[in-house]
Amino acid sequence: MDIVVRTTARVPDHTPERYNRQIEAETTERVGYYARNSPKIEARLRELDEEWDIERTLEANAATLALSGTLLGAFVDRRFLVLPAVVSFFLLQHAVQGWCPPVPFFRRRGVRTAREIEIERYALKALRGDFGPIGPSVRDRDTQASHALQAARL
């Protein structure tokens, strides 16, 4: 196993497969819904613009804990300074390996990678017609959803 892993797959590669499957199934279900309700695609694309990916979630979590530990260490007890040290180690571990202790916690709650969010975004854009016609027929929306997801994953 490599110590430094490739960026695009590092989180899914270090996430229990059941969470990856759950996230993928939820994405597939959403794209299928929007294939049947295409007027709502614009609103969903705006929601995706606001969705926090796993990197942003981990960064905000780490910054909050590190700042809290630093303030507690400065004003309450110096032993709290171990918190920013531990958090910094976890953040470095995540940057290098794609895994740290909070990752399974957030993934279990459905926090996706930027790539997973982009797959949904491009599938919705494909359904909207941004890239030309997709799927075998306009009447077969579920098949169009699967074709849109397949194209977005390429």
C-alpha atoms as a PDB file:
ATOM      1  CA  MET A   1       0.000   0.000   0.000  1.00  0.00           C
ATOM      2  CA  ASP A   2       1.306   3.441  -0.934  1.00  0.00           C
ATOM      3  CA  ILE A   3       1.825   5.976   1.817  1.00  0.00           C
ATOM      4  CA  VAL A   4       0.718   8.842  -0.427  1.00  0.00           C
ATOM      5  CA  VAL A   5      -2.411   7.967  -2.408  1.00  0.00           C
ATOM      6  CA  ARG A   6      -3.941   9.648  -5.438  1.00  0.00           C
ATOM      7  CA  THR A   7      -6.201  12.548  -4.614  1.00  0.00           C
ATOM      8  CA  THR A   8      -9.431  11.607  -6.411  1.00  0.00           C
ATOM      9  CA  ALA A   9      -9.865   8.195  -4.802  1.00  0.00           C
ATOM     10  CA  ARG A  10      -8.198   8.593  -1.422  1.00  0.00           C
ATOM     11  CA  VAL A  11     -11.352   9.128   0.636  1.00  0.00           C
ATOM     12  CA  PRO A  12     -13.521   6.428  -1.005  1.00  0.00           C
ATOM     13  CA  ASP A  13     -10.563   4.009  -0.899  1.00  0.00           C
ATOM     14  CA  HIS A  14     -10.365   4.516   2.879  1.00  0.00           C
ATOM     15  CA  THR A  15     -14.104   4.514   3.539  1.00  0.00           C
ATOM     16  CA  PRO A  16     -15.967   1.335   4.474  1.00  0.00           C
ATOM     17  CA  GLU A  17     -17.595   0.022   1.304  1.00  0.00           C
ATOM     18  CA  ARG A  18     -21.096   0.109   2.811  1.00  0.00           C
ATOM     19  CA  TYR A  19     -20.848   3.916   3.191  1.00  0.00           C
ATOM     20  CA  ASN A  20     -19.580   4.315  -0.371  1.00  0.00           C
ATOM     21  CA  ARG A  21     -22.482   2.199  -1.643  1.00  0.00           C
ATOM     22  CA  GLN A  22     -24.959   4.192   0.463  1.00  0.00           C
ATOM     23  CA  ILE A  23     -23.667   7.500  -0.904  1.00  0.00           C
ATOM     24  CA  GLU A  24     -23.738   6.177  -4.477  1.00  0.00           C
ATOM     25  CA  ALA A  25     -27.269   4.782  -4.043  1.00  0.00           C
ATOM     26  CA  GLU A  26     -28.531   8.096  -2.679  1.00  0.00           C
ATOM     27  CA  THR A  27     -26.986   9.933  -5.630  1.00  0.00           C
ATOM     28  CA  THR A  28     -28.546   7.482  -8.087  1.00  0.00           C
ATOM     29  CA  GLU A  29     -31.933   7.888  -6.414  1.00  0.00           C
ATOM     30  CA  ARG A  30     -31.704  11.699  -6.551  1.00  0.00           C
ATOM     31  CA  VAL A  31     -30.717  11.734 -10.231  1.00  0.00           C
ATOM     32  CA  GLY A  32     -33.615   9.386 -10.985  1.00  0.00           C
ATOM     33  CA  TYR A  33     -35.972  11.738  -9.153  1.00  0.00           C
ATOM     34  CA  TYR A  34     -34.756  14.737 -11.148  1.00  0.00           C
ATOM     35  CA  ALA A  35     -35.022  12.740 -14.387  1.00  0.00           C
ATOM     36  CA  ARG A  36     -38.738  12.490 -13.616  1.00  0.00           C
ATOM     37  CA  ASN A  37     -38.961  16.085 -12.331  1.00  0.00           C
ATOM     38  CA  SER A  38     -36.727  18.027 -14.716  1.00  0.00           C
ATOM     39  CA  PRO A  39     -38.147  21.494 -13.869  1.00  0.00           C
ATOM     40  CA  LYS A  40     -36.565  21.106 -10.418  1.00  0.00           C
ATOM     41  CA  ILE A  41     -33.026  20.512 -11.763  1.00  0.00           C
ATOM     42  CA  GLU A  42     -32.046  24.198 -11.553  1.00  0.00           C
ATOM     43  CA  ALA A  43     -32.873  24.374  -7.846  1.00  0.00           C
ATOM     44  CA  ARG A  44     -30.922  21.178  -7.169  1.00  0.00           C
ATOM     45  CA  LEU A  45     -27.883  22.543  -9.023  1.00  0.00           C
ATOM     46  CA  ARG A  46     -27.998  25.616  -6.763  1.00  0.00           C
ATOM     47  CA  GLU A  47     -28.166  23.322  -3.713  1.00  0.00           C
ATOM     48  CA  LEU A  48     -25.101  21.445  -4.954  1.00  0.00           C
ATOM     49  CA  ASP A  49     -23.230  24.760  -5.153  1.00  0.00           C
ATOM     50  CA  GLU A  50     -23.769  25.098  -1.402  1.00  0.00           C
ATOM     51  CA  GLU A  51     -22.987  21.497  -0.385  1.00  0.00           C
ATOM     52  CA  TRP A  52     -19.858  21.070   1.721  1.00  0.00           C
ATOM     53  CA  ASP A  53     -17.576  18.269   0.606  1.00  0.00           C
ATOM     54  CA  ILE A  54     -15.564  16.072   2.970  1.00  0.00           C
ATOM     55  CA  GLU A  55     -12.449  18.246   2.628  1.00  0.00           C
ATOM     56  CA  ARG A  56     -14.240  21.431   3.668  1.00  0.00           C
ATOM     57  CA  THR A  57     -16.029  19.620   6.473  1.00  0.00           C
ATOM     58  CA  LEU A  58     -12.766  18.196   7.833  1.00  0.00           C
ATOM     59  CA  GLU A  59     -10.996  21.554   7.533  1.00  0.00           C
ATOM     60  CA  ALA A  60     -13.754  23.374   9.425  1.00  0.00           C
ATOM     61  CA  ASN A  61     -13.848  20.642  12.060  1.00  0.00           C
ATOM     62  CA  ALA A  62     -10.053  20.661  12.479  1.00  0.00           C
ATOM     63  CA  ALA A  63      -9.858  24.455  12.625  1.00  0.00           C
ATOM     64  CA  THR A  64     -12.592  24.593  15.271  1.00  0.00           C
ATOM     65  CA  LEU A  65     -10.916  21.957  17.437  1.00  0.00           C
ATOM     66  CA  ALA A  66      -7.422  23.429  17.004  1.00  0.00           C
ATOM     67  CA  LEU A  67      -8.589  26.944  17.846  1.00  0.00           C
ATOM     68  CA  SER A  68     -10.567  25.674  20.835  1.00  0.00           C
ATOM     69  CA  GLY A  69      -7.576  23.697  22.115  1.00  0.00           C
ATOM     70  CA  THR A  70      -5.274  26.669  21.665  1.00  0.00           C
ATOM     71  CA  LEU A  71      -7.604  29.033  23.524  1.00  0.00           C
ATOM     72  CA  LEU A  72      -8.219  26.507  26.292  1.00  0.00           C
ATOM     73  CA  GLY A  73      -4.481  25.885  26.528  1.00  0.00           C
ATOM     74  CA  ALA A  74      -3.728  29.592  26.762  1.00  0.00           C
ATOM     75  CA  PHE A  75      -6.455  30.515  29.249  1.00  0.00           C
ATOM     76  CA  VAL A  76      -7.445  27.371  31.165  1.00  0.00           C
ATOM     77  CA  ASP A  77      -4.767  24.658  31.287  1.00  0.00           C
ATOM     78  CA  ARG A  78      -1.691  24.087  29.128  1.00  0.00           C
ATOM     79  CA  ARG A  79      -2.593  20.409  28.778  1.00  0.00           C
ATOM     80  CA  PHE A  80      -5.321  21.445  26.317  1.00  0.00           C
ATOM     81  CA  LEU A  81      -2.521  22.259  23.855  1.00  0.00           C
ATOM     82  CA  VAL A  82      -2.365  18.561  23.058  1.00  0.00           C
ATOM     83  CA  LEU A  83      -5.695  18.966  21.193  1.00  0.00           C
ATOM     84  CA  PRO A  84      -4.315  21.170  18.372  1.00  0.00           C
ATOM     85  CA  ALA A  85      -1.312  18.836  18.075  1.00  0.00           C
ATOM     86  CA  VAL A  86      -3.532  15.776  17.674  1.00  0.00           C
ATOM     87  CA  VAL A  87      -5.860  17.575  15.255  1.00  0.00           C
ATOM     88  CA  SER A  88      -2.873  18.730  13.166  1.00  0.00           C
ATOM     89  CA  PHE A  89      -1.577  15.160  12.997  1.00  0.00           C
ATOM     90  CA  PHE A  90      -4.999  13.895  11.860  1.00  0.00           C
ATOM     91  CA  LEU A  91      -5.230  16.615   9.207  1.00  0.00           C
ATOM     92  CA  LEU A  92      -1.764  15.734   7.901  1.00  0.00           C
ATOM     93  CA  GLN A  93      -2.675  12.051   7.913  1.00  0.00           C
ATOM     94  CA  HIS A  94      -5.786  12.846   5.887  1.00  0.00           C
ATOM     95  CA  ALA A  95      -3.830  14.959   3.398  1.00  0.00           C
ATOM     96  CA  VAL A  96      -1.316  12.171   2.809  1.00  0.00           C
ATOM     97  CA  GLN A  97      -3.446   9.024   3.110  1.00  0.00           C
ATOM     98  CA  GLY A  98      -7.047  10.169   2.671  1.00  0.00           C
ATOM     99  CA  TRP A  99      -8.066   8.829   6.041  1.00  0.00           C
ATOM    100  CA  CYS A 100      -8.233  10.101   9.590  1.00  0.00           C
ATOM    101  CA  PRO A 101     -10.524   9.176  12.495  1.00  0.00           C
ATOM    102  CA  PRO A 102     -13.327  11.673  11.653  1.00  0.00           C
ATOM    103  CA  VAL A 103     -13.681  10.454   8.037  1.00  0.00           C
ATOM    104  CA  PRO A 104     -15.858   7.387   8.767  1.00  0.00           C
ATOM    105  CA  PHE A 105     -18.034   9.511  11.068  1.00  0.00           C
ATOM    106  CA  PHE A 106     -18.722  12.090   8.336  1.00  0.00           C
ATOM    107  CA  ARG A 107     -19.014   9.532   5.534  1.00  0.00           C
ATOM    108  CA  ARG A 108     -21.574   7.561   7.543  1.00  0.00           C
ATOM    109  CA  ARG A 109     -23.612  10.777   7.626  1.00  0.00           C
ATOM    110  CA  GLY A 110     -23.412  11.084   3.832  1.00  0.00           C
ATOM    111  CA  VAL A 111     -20.725  13.764   3.478  1.00  0.00           C
ATOM    112  CA  ARG A 112     -19.440  13.336  -0.072  1.00  0.00           C
ATOM    113  CA  THR A 113     -16.195  14.066  -1.830  1.00  0.00           C
ATOM    114  CA  ALA A 114     -15.996  16.898  -4.361  1.00  0.00           C
ATOM    115  CA  ARG A 115     -15.861  14.240  -7.097  1.00  0.00           C
ATOM    116  CA  GLU A 116     -19.062  12.580  -5.857  1.00  0.00           C
ATOM    117  CA  ILE A 117     -20.831  15.944  -5.819  1.00  0.00           C
ATOM    118  CA  GLU A 118     -19.558  16.706  -9.337  1.00  0.00           C
ATOM    119  CA  ILE A 119     -20.885  13.373 -10.619  1.00  0.00           C
ATOM    120  CA  GLU A 120     -24.384  14.369  -9.522  1.00  0.00           C
ATOM    121  CA  ARG A 121     -23.918  17.891 -10.939  1.00  0.00           C
ATOM    122  CA  TYR A 122     -22.839  16.626 -14.374  1.00  0.00           C
ATOM    123  CA  ALA A 123     -25.561  13.978 -14.469  1.00  0.00           C
ATOM    124  CA  LEU A 124     -28.149  16.692 -13.809  1.00  0.00           C
ATOM    125  CA  LYS A 125     -26.622  18.920 -16.471  1.00  0.00           C
ATOM    126  CA  ALA A 126     -26.749  16.000 -18.891  1.00  0.00           C
ATOM    127  CA  LEU A 127     -30.433  15.483 -18.049  1.00  0.00           C
ATOM    128  CA  ARG A 128     -31.034  19.178 -18.611  1.00  0.00           C
ATOM    129  CA  GLY A 129     -29.535  18.791 -22.082  1.00  0.00           C
ATOM    130  CA  ASP A 130     -26.351  20.798 -21.608  1.00  0.00           C
ATOM    131  CA  PHE A 131     -24.262  18.225 -23.494  1.00  0.00           C
ATOM    132  CA  GLY A 132     -26.750  17.165 -26.149  1.00  0.00           C
ATOM    133  CA  PRO A 133     -29.178  14.234 -26.160  1.00  0.00           C
ATOM    134  CA  ILE A 134     -28.590  11.288 -23.850  1.00  0.00           C
ATOM    135  CA  GLY A 135     -30.122   7.883 -23.403  1.00  0.00           C
ATOM    136  CA  PRO A 136     -32.251   5.943 -25.820  1.00  0.00           C
ATOM    137  CA  SER A 137     -35.482   7.951 -25.653  1.00  0.00           C
ATOM    138  CA  VAL A 138     -37.069  11.024 -24.134  1.00  0.00           C
ATOM    139  CA  ARG A 139     -39.931   8.898 -22.759  1.00  0.00           C
ATOM    140  CA  ASP A 140     -37.643   6.548 -20.805  1.00  0.00           C
ATOM    141  CA  ARG A 141     -36.481   8.937 -18.047  1.00  0.00           C
ATOM    142  CA  ASP A 142     -35.040   6.297 -15.677  1.00  0.00           C
ATOM    143  CA  THR A 143     -32.825   4.959 -18.430  1.00  0.00           C
ATOM    144  CA  GLN A 144     -31.812   8.531 -19.207  1.00  0.00           C
ATOM    145  CA  ALA A 145     -30.880   8.971 -15.533  1.00  0.00           C
ATOM    146  CA  SER A 146     -28.636   5.905 -15.618  1.00  0.00           C
ATOM    147  CA  HIS A 147     -27.040   7.088 -18.877  1.00  0.00           C
ATOM    148  CA  ALA A 148     -26.480  10.557 -17.390  1.00  0.00           C
ATOM    149  CA  LEU A 149     -24.832   9.068 -14.289  1.00  0.00           C
ATOM    150  CA  GLN A 150     -22.682   6.776 -16.397  1.00  0.00           C
ATOM    151  CA  ALA A 151     -21.501   9.684 -18.548  1.00  0.00           C
ATOM    152  CA  ALA A 152     -20.802  11.841 -15.474  1.00  0.00           C
ATOM    153  CA  ARG A 153     -18.628   9.128 -13.928  1.00  0.00           C
ATOM    154  CA  LEU A 154     -16.351   8.953 -16.988  1.00  0.00           C
END
